[in-house]
Amino acid sequence: MSYLFCFVLFFPPKGVVFPEWAYKPEWTPGSRQIQLWHFILELLSREDLNSSVISWQGDWGEFVIRDPEEVARLWGARKGKPHMNYDKLSRALRYYYNKRILHKTKGKRFTYKFNFTKLILVNYPNWCSRKQTLGRAPAHRSPCRPQ
């Protein structure tokens, strides 16, 4: 893995691409082990949904849910919970606020922002020790320093 992948993850361009390790294998029937943050990344990477249902907005991990009920329906279908609605989905999103994985963008409806630094440190705890083997990154762009 190179720092190019790391750079793209923390400083996503308009057409956001994430490294392979940021995604788990595609869902298989009977597998309900997926976290909501990962599901959202998956939706954001799907071309067919990108703009009508959910899409990136601006830079730095900000996204907007354009059709909240459809996102909730897709999440419910994925988890095998047919009565899922946006109220329940947003409650699950708020769980990530305390973990500092995600936060609501103030003043913008249905708009959230990923904290990719925290997401990596929480889900990939060895990431910072791996950076020594990858070479040195500029200090202001290190994934191991809080922003």
C-alpha atoms as a PDB file:
ATOM      1  CA  MET A   1       0.000   0.000   0.000  1.00  0.00           C
ATOM      2  CA  SER A   2       1.325   3.444  -0.778  1.00  0.00           C
ATOM      3  CA  TYR A   3       0.841   6.906   0.612  1.00  0.00           C
ATOM      4  CA  LEU A   4      -1.073   7.710  -2.552  1.00  0.00           C
ATOM      5  CA  PHE A   5      -3.876   5.526  -1.170  1.00  0.00           C
ATOM      6  CA  CYS A   6      -3.612   7.251   2.185  1.00  0.00           C
ATOM      7  CA  PHE A   7      -3.649  10.672   0.526  1.00  0.00           C
ATOM      8  CA  VAL A   8      -6.736   9.794  -1.521  1.00  0.00           C
ATOM      9  CA  LEU A   9      -8.483   8.520   1.603  1.00  0.00           C
ATOM     10  CA  PHE A  10      -7.840  11.650   3.676  1.00  0.00           C
ATOM     11  CA  PHE A  11      -7.985  14.196   0.874  1.00  0.00           C
ATOM     12  CA  PRO A  12     -10.547  12.757  -1.550  1.00  0.00           C
ATOM     13  CA  PRO A  13     -10.801  14.305  -5.006  1.00  0.00           C
ATOM     14  CA  LYS A  14     -14.170  15.002  -6.628  1.00  0.00           C
ATOM     15  CA  GLY A  15     -14.420  11.393  -7.913  1.00  0.00           C
ATOM     16  CA  VAL A  16     -13.649   9.740  -4.589  1.00  0.00           C
ATOM     17  CA  VAL A  17     -11.824   6.419  -4.662  1.00  0.00           C
ATOM     18  CA  PHE A  18     -10.869   4.531  -1.522  1.00  0.00           C
ATOM     19  CA  PRO A  19      -8.174   1.865  -1.143  1.00  0.00           C
ATOM     20  CA  GLU A  20      -9.203  -1.775  -1.229  1.00  0.00           C
ATOM     21  CA  TRP A  21      -8.718  -2.215   2.528  1.00  0.00           C
ATOM     22  CA  ALA A  22     -11.349   0.442   3.282  1.00  0.00           C
ATOM     23  CA  TYR A  23     -13.997  -1.863   1.893  1.00  0.00           C
ATOM     24  CA  LYS A  24     -14.992  -5.262   3.168  1.00  0.00           C
ATOM     25  CA  PRO A  25     -15.995  -7.958   0.673  1.00  0.00           C
ATOM     26  CA  GLU A  26     -19.372  -7.536  -0.989  1.00  0.00           C
ATOM     27  CA  TRP A  27     -22.390  -8.640   0.960  1.00  0.00           C
ATOM     28  CA  THR A  28     -23.486 -12.250   0.654  1.00  0.00           C
ATOM     29  CA  PRO A  29     -26.926 -13.640   1.531  1.00  0.00           C
ATOM     30  CA  GLY A  30     -27.179 -14.445   5.211  1.00  0.00           C
ATOM     31  CA  SER A  31     -24.342 -12.093   6.122  1.00  0.00           C
ATOM     32  CA  ARG A  32     -25.685  -9.230   8.213  1.00  0.00           C
ATOM     33  CA  GLN A  33     -22.313  -8.217   9.657  1.00  0.00           C
ATOM     34  CA  ILE A  34     -21.864  -4.780   8.164  1.00  0.00           C
ATOM     35  CA  GLN A  35     -21.597  -1.489   9.964  1.00  0.00           C
ATOM     36  CA  LEU A  36     -23.629   1.502   8.873  1.00  0.00           C
ATOM     37  CA  TRP A  37     -20.556   3.652   8.144  1.00  0.00           C
ATOM     38  CA  HIS A  38     -19.287   0.972   5.775  1.00  0.00           C
ATOM     39  CA  PHE A  39     -22.686   0.649   4.106  1.00  0.00           C
ATOM     40  CA  ILE A  40     -22.745   4.417   3.521  1.00  0.00           C
ATOM     41  CA  LEU A  41     -19.294   4.273   1.907  1.00  0.00           C
ATOM     42  CA  GLU A  42     -20.581   1.446  -0.257  1.00  0.00           C
ATOM     43  CA  LEU A  43     -23.621   3.497  -1.343  1.00  0.00           C
ATOM     44  CA  LEU A  44     -21.402   6.489  -2.090  1.00  0.00           C
ATOM     45  CA  SER A  45     -19.249   4.346  -4.370  1.00  0.00           C
ATOM     46  CA  ARG A  46     -22.241   3.098  -6.399  1.00  0.00           C
ATOM     47  CA  GLU A  47     -22.611   5.025  -9.650  1.00  0.00           C
ATOM     48  CA  ASP A  48     -26.329   4.183  -9.987  1.00  0.00           C
ATOM     49  CA  LEU A  49     -27.214   5.883  -6.680  1.00  0.00           C
ATOM     50  CA  ASN A  50     -24.690   8.683  -6.721  1.00  0.00           C
ATOM     51  CA  SER A  51     -26.705  11.911  -7.006  1.00  0.00           C
ATOM     52  CA  SER A  52     -30.301  10.781  -6.714  1.00  0.00           C
ATOM     53  CA  VAL A  53     -30.051   8.996  -3.353  1.00  0.00           C
ATOM     54  CA  ILE A  54     -26.714   9.876  -1.719  1.00  0.00           C
ATOM     55  CA  SER A  55     -23.650  11.723  -2.957  1.00  0.00           C
ATOM     56  CA  TRP A  56     -20.411  13.376  -1.945  1.00  0.00           C
ATOM     57  CA  GLN A  57     -20.663  17.101  -1.403  1.00  0.00           C
ATOM     58  CA  GLY A  58     -17.582  19.263  -1.390  1.00  0.00           C
ATOM     59  CA  ASP A  59     -14.358  17.734  -0.170  1.00  0.00           C
ATOM     60  CA  TRP A  60     -12.987  16.148   2.971  1.00  0.00           C
ATOM     61  CA  GLY A  61     -15.537  13.378   3.469  1.00  0.00           C
ATOM     62  CA  GLU A  62     -18.750  15.401   3.442  1.00  0.00           C
ATOM     63  CA  PHE A  63     -21.802  13.726   1.927  1.00  0.00           C
ATOM     64  CA  VAL A  64     -25.489  14.497   1.585  1.00  0.00           C
ATOM     65  CA  ILE A  65     -28.382  12.046   1.795  1.00  0.00           C
ATOM     66  CA  ARG A  66     -30.684  13.255  -0.974  1.00  0.00           C
ATOM     67  CA  ASP A  67     -33.400  10.644  -0.436  1.00  0.00           C
ATOM     68  CA  PRO A  68     -33.371   9.727   3.277  1.00  0.00           C
ATOM     69  CA  GLU A  69     -36.227   7.235   3.089  1.00  0.00           C
ATOM     70  CA  GLU A  70     -34.576   5.362   0.205  1.00  0.00           C
ATOM     71  CA  VAL A  71     -31.267   5.145   2.082  1.00  0.00           C
ATOM     72  CA  ALA A  72     -33.194   3.822   5.103  1.00  0.00           C
ATOM     73  CA  ARG A  73     -35.037   1.318   2.906  1.00  0.00           C
ATOM     74  CA  LEU A  74     -31.748   0.070   1.399  1.00  0.00           C
ATOM     75  CA  TRP A  75     -30.177  -0.210   4.867  1.00  0.00           C
ATOM     76  CA  GLY A  76     -33.230  -2.097   6.148  1.00  0.00           C
ATOM     77  CA  ALA A  77     -33.131  -4.467   3.176  1.00  0.00           C
ATOM     78  CA  ARG A  78     -29.427  -5.082   3.762  1.00  0.00           C
ATOM     79  CA  LYS A  79     -29.906  -5.814   7.474  1.00  0.00           C
ATOM     80  CA  GLY A  80     -33.130  -7.791   7.022  1.00  0.00           C
ATOM     81  CA  LYS A  81     -35.213  -5.142   8.833  1.00  0.00           C
ATOM     82  CA  PRO A  82     -38.126  -4.221   6.555  1.00  0.00           C
ATOM     83  CA  HIS A  83     -39.524  -1.567   8.937  1.00  0.00           C
ATOM     84  CA  MET A  84     -36.395   0.597   8.834  1.00  0.00           C
ATOM     85  CA  ASN A  85     -37.074   4.302   8.368  1.00  0.00           C
ATOM     86  CA  TYR A  86     -34.956   7.449   8.432  1.00  0.00           C
ATOM     87  CA  ASP A  87     -35.742   8.102  12.112  1.00  0.00           C
ATOM     88  CA  LYS A  88     -34.176   4.782  13.070  1.00  0.00           C
ATOM     89  CA  LEU A  89     -31.298   5.223  10.615  1.00  0.00           C
ATOM     90  CA  SER A  90     -30.475   8.694  11.949  1.00  0.00           C
ATOM     91  CA  ARG A  91     -30.434   7.298  15.484  1.00  0.00           C
ATOM     92  CA  ALA A  92     -27.828   4.795  14.323  1.00  0.00           C
ATOM     93  CA  LEU A  93     -25.844   7.609  12.678  1.00  0.00           C
ATOM     94  CA  ARG A  94     -25.861   9.572  15.947  1.00  0.00           C
ATOM     95  CA  TYR A  95     -24.151   6.615  17.614  1.00  0.00           C
ATOM     96  CA  TYR A  96     -21.084   7.499  15.515  1.00  0.00           C
ATOM     97  CA  TYR A  97     -21.014  11.099  16.819  1.00  0.00           C
ATOM     98  CA  ASN A  98     -19.684  10.026  20.236  1.00  0.00           C
ATOM     99  CA  LYS A  99     -17.127   7.784  18.575  1.00  0.00           C
ATOM    100  CA  ARG A 100     -16.120  10.760  16.409  1.00  0.00           C
ATOM    101  CA  ILE A 101     -16.356   8.650  13.256  1.00  0.00           C
ATOM    102  CA  LEU A 102     -19.037  10.847  11.748  1.00  0.00           C
ATOM    103  CA  HIS A 103     -20.695  14.141  12.534  1.00  0.00           C
ATOM    104  CA  LYS A 104     -23.618  16.189  11.312  1.00  0.00           C
ATOM    105  CA  THR A 105     -22.730  19.243   9.249  1.00  0.00           C
ATOM    106  CA  LYS A 106     -24.274  22.235  10.997  1.00  0.00           C
ATOM    107  CA  GLY A 107     -26.859  24.175   9.046  1.00  0.00           C
ATOM    108  CA  LYS A 108     -27.144  21.619   6.242  1.00  0.00           C
ATOM    109  CA  ARG A 109     -30.037  19.199   6.186  1.00  0.00           C
ATOM    110  CA  PHE A 110     -29.192  15.483   5.768  1.00  0.00           C
ATOM    111  CA  THR A 111     -25.504  16.357   5.437  1.00  0.00           C
ATOM    112  CA  TYR A 112     -22.804  14.490   7.338  1.00  0.00           C
ATOM    113  CA  LYS A 113     -19.048  14.305   7.336  1.00  0.00           C
ATOM    114  CA  PHE A 114     -16.725  11.355   7.916  1.00  0.00           C
ATOM    115  CA  ASN A 115     -13.725  11.727  10.184  1.00  0.00           C
ATOM    116  CA  PHE A 116     -11.503   9.371   8.199  1.00  0.00           C
ATOM    117  CA  THR A 117      -8.614   9.718  10.642  1.00  0.00           C
ATOM    118  CA  LYS A 118     -10.728   8.402  13.504  1.00  0.00           C
ATOM    119  CA  LEU A 119     -12.366   5.785  11.294  1.00  0.00           C
ATOM    120  CA  ILE A 120      -8.985   4.310  10.420  1.00  0.00           C
ATOM    121  CA  LEU A 121      -7.581   4.485  13.951  1.00  0.00           C
ATOM    122  CA  VAL A 122     -10.667   2.786  15.424  1.00  0.00           C
ATOM    123  CA  ASN A 123     -11.087   0.099  12.760  1.00  0.00           C
ATOM    124  CA  TYR A 124      -7.452  -0.412  11.753  1.00  0.00           C
ATOM    125  CA  PRO A 125      -5.481   0.050  15.004  1.00  0.00           C
ATOM    126  CA  ASN A 126      -2.181  -1.090  13.469  1.00  0.00           C
ATOM    127  CA  TRP A 127      -2.341   1.583  10.758  1.00  0.00           C
ATOM    128  CA  CYS A 128       0.013   3.974  12.578  1.00  0.00           C
ATOM    129  CA  SER A 129       2.616   1.295  13.192  1.00  0.00           C
ATOM    130  CA  ARG A 130       2.377   0.276   9.520  1.00  0.00           C
ATOM    131  CA  LYS A 131       3.213   3.774   8.328  1.00  0.00           C
ATOM    132  CA  GLN A 132       6.855   3.266   9.353  1.00  0.00           C
ATOM    133  CA  THR A 133       7.146   0.564   6.688  1.00  0.00           C
ATOM    134  CA  LEU A 134       5.527   2.743   4.043  1.00  0.00           C
ATOM    135  CA  GLY A 135       7.907   5.669   4.292  1.00  0.00           C
ATOM    136  CA  ARG A 136       7.493   9.066   5.861  1.00  0.00           C
ATOM    137  CA  ALA A 137       4.428  11.174   5.181  1.00  0.00           C
ATOM    138  CA  PRO A 138       4.412  14.943   5.563  1.00  0.00           C
ATOM    139  CA  ALA A 139       3.704  15.785   9.221  1.00  0.00           C
ATOM    140  CA  HIS A 140       0.566  17.798   8.442  1.00  0.00           C
ATOM    141  CA  ARG A 141      -0.970  14.895   6.527  1.00  0.00           C
ATOM    142  CA  SER A 142      -0.278  12.056   8.916  1.00  0.00           C
ATOM    143  CA  PRO A 143      -3.282   9.799   9.554  1.00  0.00           C
ATOM    144  CA  CYS A 144      -1.942   9.198  13.055  1.00  0.00           C
ATOM    145  CA  ARG A 145      -2.265  12.786  14.220  1.00  0.00           C
ATOM    146  CA  PRO A 146      -5.664  14.120  15.234  1.00  0.00           C
ATOM    147  CA  GLN A 147      -6.823  17.025  13.144  1.00  0.00           C
END
